[in-house]
């Protein structure tokens, strides 16, 4: 009975020539991210092919970032509305009083 092959045994392989110093940079980045060099390269290729979306960032985190943007926009809008109301209130206070028609 033959042993079941590991996924790495049947995965596509591709030899790449790297510019001088890039292997060391990839090794350092992989260590920072807690990945093997191969996983680092695959992750970066996936991110590029996915339009900049990092496949290691959970979907929920991307949703939180979008919600954060929406909240910041709402805060900006509220700030603008408050500023307008304050300006109107200041203009009303600064306006000369109406004359009393009974005089």
Protein backbone atom coordinates (compact mmCIF):
# COMPACT_ATOMS: atom_id res chain seq x y z
CA UNK A 1 0.00 0.00 0.00
CA UNK A 2 1.48 3.37 -0.98
CA UNK A 3 1.58 6.32 1.33
CA UNK A 4 -0.68 9.30 0.58
CA UNK A 5 1.44 12.18 -0.81
CA UNK A 6 1.75 15.46 1.06
CA UNK A 7 0.13 18.49 -0.61
CA UNK A 8 3.59 19.96 -1.18
CA UNK A 9 4.57 16.82 -3.10
CA UNK A 10 1.83 17.37 -5.67
CA UNK A 11 1.75 21.20 -5.74
CA UNK A 12 2.96 23.04 -8.82
CA UNK A 13 6.59 24.09 -8.64
CA UNK A 14 8.23 27.05 -10.27
CA UNK A 15 11.84 28.12 -10.02
CA UNK A 16 12.37 31.87 -9.75
CA UNK A 17 15.59 33.83 -10.09
CA UNK A 18 15.62 36.60 -7.49
CA UNK A 19 17.62 39.80 -7.68
CA UNK A 20 20.50 40.09 -5.27
CA UNK A 21 19.34 40.71 -1.70
CA UNK A 22 15.68 39.84 -2.32
CA UNK A 23 15.95 36.33 -0.84
CA UNK A 24 17.22 37.80 2.43
CA UNK A 25 14.44 40.42 2.44
CA UNK A 26 11.82 37.72 1.84
CA UNK A 27 13.34 35.60 4.59
CA UNK A 28 13.14 38.54 7.03
CA UNK A 29 9.54 39.38 6.05
CA UNK A 30 8.51 35.74 6.35
CA UNK A 31 10.00 35.60 9.86
CA UNK A 32 8.17 38.81 10.85
CA UNK A 33 4.89 37.32 9.62
CA UNK A 34 5.50 33.89 11.17
CA UNK A 35 5.53 32.14 7.80
CA UNK A 36 7.86 30.05 5.72
CA UNK A 37 9.48 31.78 2.78
CA UNK A 38 7.26 29.79 0.43
CA UNK A 39 4.11 30.84 2.32
CA UNK A 40 5.29 34.46 2.30
CA UNK A 41 5.81 34.41 -1.47
CA UNK A 42 2.46 32.69 -2.11
CA UNK A 43 0.65 35.11 0.22
CA UNK A 44 2.16 38.13 -1.54
CA UNK A 45 1.29 36.73 -4.96
CA UNK A 46 -2.29 36.07 -3.83
CA UNK A 47 -2.55 39.60 -2.45
CA UNK A 48 -1.35 41.05 -5.76
CA UNK A 49 -3.68 38.86 -7.80
CA UNK A 50 -6.61 39.69 -5.50
CA UNK A 51 -6.25 43.43 -6.08
CA UNK A 52 -4.35 44.19 -2.89
CA UNK A 53 -6.58 42.17 -0.56
CA UNK A 54 -4.42 40.25 1.89
CA UNK A 55 -5.81 36.70 2.05
CA UNK A 56 -4.56 36.37 5.62
CA UNK A 57 -6.71 39.25 6.86
CA UNK A 58 -10.06 37.86 7.95
CA UNK A 59 -13.17 39.08 6.17
CA UNK A 60 -14.52 40.42 9.46
CA UNK A 61 -11.55 42.77 9.80
CA UNK A 62 -12.18 44.19 6.34
CA UNK A 63 -15.84 44.75 7.31
CA UNK A 64 -14.76 46.52 10.50
CA UNK A 65 -12.49 48.82 8.50
CA UNK A 66 -15.38 49.70 6.18
CA UNK A 67 -17.69 50.35 9.15
CA UNK A 68 -15.00 52.53 10.68
CA UNK A 69 -14.87 54.61 7.48
CA UNK A 70 -18.67 54.99 7.55
CA UNK A 71 -18.62 56.06 11.21
CA UNK A 72 -15.88 58.63 10.55
CA UNK A 73 -17.91 60.03 7.65
CA UNK A 74 -20.98 60.30 9.91
CA UNK A 75 -18.91 62.06 12.58
CA UNK A 76 -17.66 64.52 9.96
CA UNK A 77 -21.23 65.19 8.80
CA UNK A 78 -22.39 65.69 12.40
CA UNK A 79 -19.52 68.08 13.03
CA UNK A 80 -20.50 70.13 10.00
CA UNK A 81 -24.14 70.28 11.15
CA UNK A 82 -23.09 71.34 14.65
CA UNK A 83 -20.82 74.03 13.24
CA UNK A 84 -23.68 75.41 11.12
CA UNK A 85 -26.04 75.50 14.11
CA UNK A 86 -23.43 77.21 16.27
CA UNK A 87 -22.79 79.78 13.53
CA UNK A 88 -26.53 80.46 13.18
CA UNK A 89 -26.85 80.82 16.94
CA UNK A 90 -23.89 83.20 17.05
CA UNK A 91 -25.33 85.27 14.18
CA UNK A 92 -28.65 85.52 16.02
CA UNK A 93 -26.88 86.69 19.17
CA UNK A 94 -24.77 89.19 17.24
CA UNK A 95 -27.73 90.66 15.33
CA UNK A 96 -29.12 93.95 16.63
CA UNK A 97 -32.33 93.49 18.60
CA UNK A 98 -35.60 94.20 16.86
CA UNK A 99 -37.20 97.48 17.87
CA UNK A 100 -40.31 97.20 20.00
CA UNK A 101 -43.25 98.39 17.82
CA UNK A 102 -45.09 99.69 20.92
CA UNK A 103 -42.58 102.58 21.34
